PDB file of N, CA and C in Angstrom:
ATOM      1  N   MET A   1      88.255  66.794  99.865  1.00  0.00           N
ATOM      2  CA  MET A   1      89.157  67.403 100.851  1.00  0.00           C
ATOM      3  C   MET A   1      88.791  66.930 102.259  1.00  0.00           C
ATOM      4  N   GLU A   2      89.822  66.619 103.036  1.00  0.00           N
ATOM      5  CA  GLU A   2      89.566  66.170 104.403  1.00  0.00           C
ATOM      6  C   GLU A   2      89.182  67.345 105.289  1.00  0.00           C
ATOM      7  N   LYS A   3      88.496  67.013 106.368  1.00  0.00           N
ATOM      8  CA  LYS A   3      88.044  68.073 107.279  1.00  0.00           C
ATOM      9  C   LYS A   3      89.235  68.794 107.903  1.00  0.00           C
ATOM     10  N   LYS A   4      90.280  68.042 108.250  1.00  0.00           N
ATOM     11  CA  LYS A   4      91.458  68.672 108.882  1.00  0.00           C
ATOM     12  C   LYS A   4      92.071  69.707 107.945  1.00  0.00           C
ATOM     13  N   GLU A   5      92.207  69.336 106.672  1.00  0.00           N
ATOM     14  CA  GLU A   5      92.781  70.273 105.699  1.00  0.00           C
ATOM     15  C   GLU A   5      91.916  71.517 105.611  1.00  0.00           C
ATOM     16  N   TYR A   6      90.611  71.307 105.556  1.00  0.00           N
ATOM     17  CA  TYR A   6      89.680  72.436 105.421  1.00  0.00           C
ATOM     18  C   TYR A   6      89.814  73.380 106.611  1.00  0.00           C
ATOM     19  N   ILE A   7      89.909  72.809 107.807  1.00  0.00           N
ATOM     20  CA  ILE A   7      90.041  73.639 109.014  1.00  0.00           C
ATOM     21  C   ILE A   7      91.368  74.388 108.987  1.00  0.00           C
ATOM     22  N   ALA A   8      92.429  73.715 108.554  1.00  0.00           N
ATOM     23  CA  ALA A   8      93.747  74.358 108.508  1.00  0.00           C
ATOM     24  C   ALA A   8      93.713  75.538 107.544  1.00  0.00           C
ATOM     25  N   ILE A   9      93.056  75.356 106.394  1.00  0.00           N
ATOM     26  CA  ILE A   9      92.966  76.444 105.420  1.00  0.00           C
ATOM     27  C   ILE A   9      92.150  77.590 105.992  1.00  0.00           C
ATOM     28  N   LYS A  10      91.041  77.267 106.655  1.00  0.00           N
ATOM     29  CA  LYS A  10      90.210  78.330 107.258  1.00  0.00           C
ATOM     30  C   LYS A  10      91.011  79.094 108.293  1.00  0.00           C
ATOM     31  N   VAL A  11      91.748  78.402 109.134  1.00  0.00           N
ATOM     32  CA  VAL A  11      92.527  79.056 110.187  1.00  0.00           C
ATOM     33  C   VAL A  11      93.586  79.957 109.571  1.00  0.00           C
ATOM     34  N   SER A  12      94.267  79.471 108.539  1.00  0.00           N
ATOM     35  CA  SER A  12      95.320  80.287 107.930  1.00  0.00           C
ATOM     36  C   SER A  12      94.715  81.504 107.242  1.00  0.00           C
ATOM     37  N   ASN A  13      93.534  81.339 106.650  1.00  0.00           N
ATOM     38  CA  ASN A  13      92.876  82.484 106.025  1.00  0.00           C
ATOM     39  C   ASN A  13      92.506  83.523 107.070  1.00  0.00           C
ATOM     40  N   VAL A  14      91.993  83.078 108.193  1.00  0.00           N
ATOM     41  CA  VAL A  14      91.595  84.006 109.253  1.00  0.00           C
ATOM     42  C   VAL A  14      92.816  84.740 109.797  1.00  0.00           C
ATOM     43  N   SER A  15      93.895  84.018 110.033  1.00  0.00           N
ATOM     44  CA  SER A  15      95.093  84.669 110.580  1.00  0.00           C
ATOM     45  C   SER A  15      95.684  85.628 109.555  1.00  0.00           C
ATOM     46  N   PHE A  16      95.573  85.274 108.266  1.00  0.00           N
ATOM     47  CA  PHE A  16      96.076  86.176 107.217  1.00  0.00           C
ATOM     48  C   PHE A  16      95.259  87.457 107.196  1.00  0.00           C
ATOM     49  N   GLN A  17      93.941  87.322 107.245  1.00  0.00           N
ATOM     50  CA  GLN A  17      93.075  88.506 107.261  1.00  0.00           C
ATOM     51  C   GLN A  17      93.344  89.340 108.509  1.00  0.00           C
ATOM     52  N   TYR A  18      93.567  88.676 109.632  1.00  0.00           N
ATOM     53  CA  TYR A  18      93.825  89.396 110.879  1.00  0.00           C
ATOM     54  C   TYR A  18      95.128  90.193 110.772  1.00  0.00           C
ATOM     55  N   SER A  19      96.145  89.587 110.154  1.00  0.00           N
ATOM     56  CA  SER A  19      97.419  90.300 110.023  1.00  0.00           C
ATOM     57  C   SER A  19      97.263  91.487 109.083  1.00  0.00           C
ATOM     58  N   LEU A  20      96.426  91.350 108.049  1.00  0.00           N
ATOM     59  CA  LEU A  20      96.177  92.483 107.152  1.00  0.00           C
ATOM     60  C   LEU A  20      95.513  93.616 107.915  1.00  0.00           C
ATOM     61  N   VAL A  21      94.534  93.276 108.724  1.00  0.00           N
ATOM     62  CA  VAL A  21      93.804  94.297 109.487  1.00  0.00           C
ATOM     63  C   VAL A  21      94.747  94.985 110.465  1.00  0.00           C
ATOM     64  N   SER A  22      95.564  94.219 111.155  1.00  0.00           N
ATOM     65  CA  SER A  22      96.468  94.826 112.134  1.00  0.00           C
ATOM     66  C   SER A  22      97.501  95.701 111.429  1.00  0.00           C
ATOM     67  N   ASN A  23      97.930  95.302 110.231  1.00  0.00           N
ATOM     68  CA  ASN A  23      98.860  96.143 109.468  1.00  0.00           C
ATOM     69  C   ASN A  23      98.205  97.466 109.109  1.00  0.00           C
ATOM     70  N   GLU A  24      96.955  97.420 108.666  1.00  0.00           N
ATOM     71  CA  GLU A  24      96.241  98.650 108.317  1.00  0.00           C
ATOM     72  C   GLU A  24      96.099  99.529 109.546  1.00  0.00           C
ATOM     73  N   ASN A  25      95.788  98.925 110.687  1.00  0.00           N
ATOM     74  CA  ASN A  25      95.642  99.703 111.927  1.00  0.00           C
ATOM     75  C   ASN A  25      96.966 100.351 112.312  1.00  0.00           C
ATOM     76  N   LEU A  26      98.069  99.625 112.129  1.00  0.00           N
ATOM     77  CA  LEU A  26      99.379 100.195 112.454  1.00  0.00           C
ATOM     78  C   LEU A  26      99.680 101.388 111.553  1.00  0.00           C
ATOM     79  N   ILE A  27      99.352 101.253 110.261  1.00  0.00           N
ATOM     80  CA  ILE A  27      99.600 102.350 109.324  1.00  0.00           C
ATOM     81  C   ILE A  27      98.751 103.558 109.695  1.00  0.00           C
ATOM     82  N   LEU A  28      97.468 103.326 109.967  1.00  0.00           N
ATOM     83  CA  LEU A  28      96.586 104.439 110.347  1.00  0.00           C
ATOM     84  C   LEU A  28      97.077 105.096 111.630  1.00  0.00           C
ATOM     85  N   PHE A  29      97.524 104.268 112.567  1.00  0.00           N
ATOM     86  CA  PHE A  29      97.964 104.789 113.861  1.00  0.00           C
ATOM     87  C   PHE A  29      99.232 105.629 113.685  1.00  0.00           C
ATOM     88  N   SER A  30     100.137 105.192 112.821  1.00  0.00           N
ATOM     89  CA  SER A  30     101.393 105.925 112.649  1.00  0.00           C
ATOM     90  C   SER A  30     101.172 107.212 111.861  1.00  0.00           C
ATOM     91  N   LEU A  31     100.063 107.283 111.109  1.00  0.00           N
ATOM     92  CA  LEU A  31      99.786 108.507 110.351  1.00  0.00           C
ATOM     93  C   LEU A  31      99.232 109.607 111.240  1.00  0.00           C
ATOM     94  N   LYS A  32      98.663 109.226 112.370  1.00  0.00           N
ATOM     95  CA  LYS A  32      98.034 110.239 113.243  1.00  0.00           C
ATOM     96  C   LYS A  32      99.074 111.179 113.842  1.00  0.00           C
TER      97      LYS A  32
END
């Protein structure tokens, strides 16, 4: 695997995890 591909996958994984976290925060916030 090329380094560029690896970095792209890492970045997309991080942004995916970040969106999951922000979704959870939105749900928790709306429940309050």
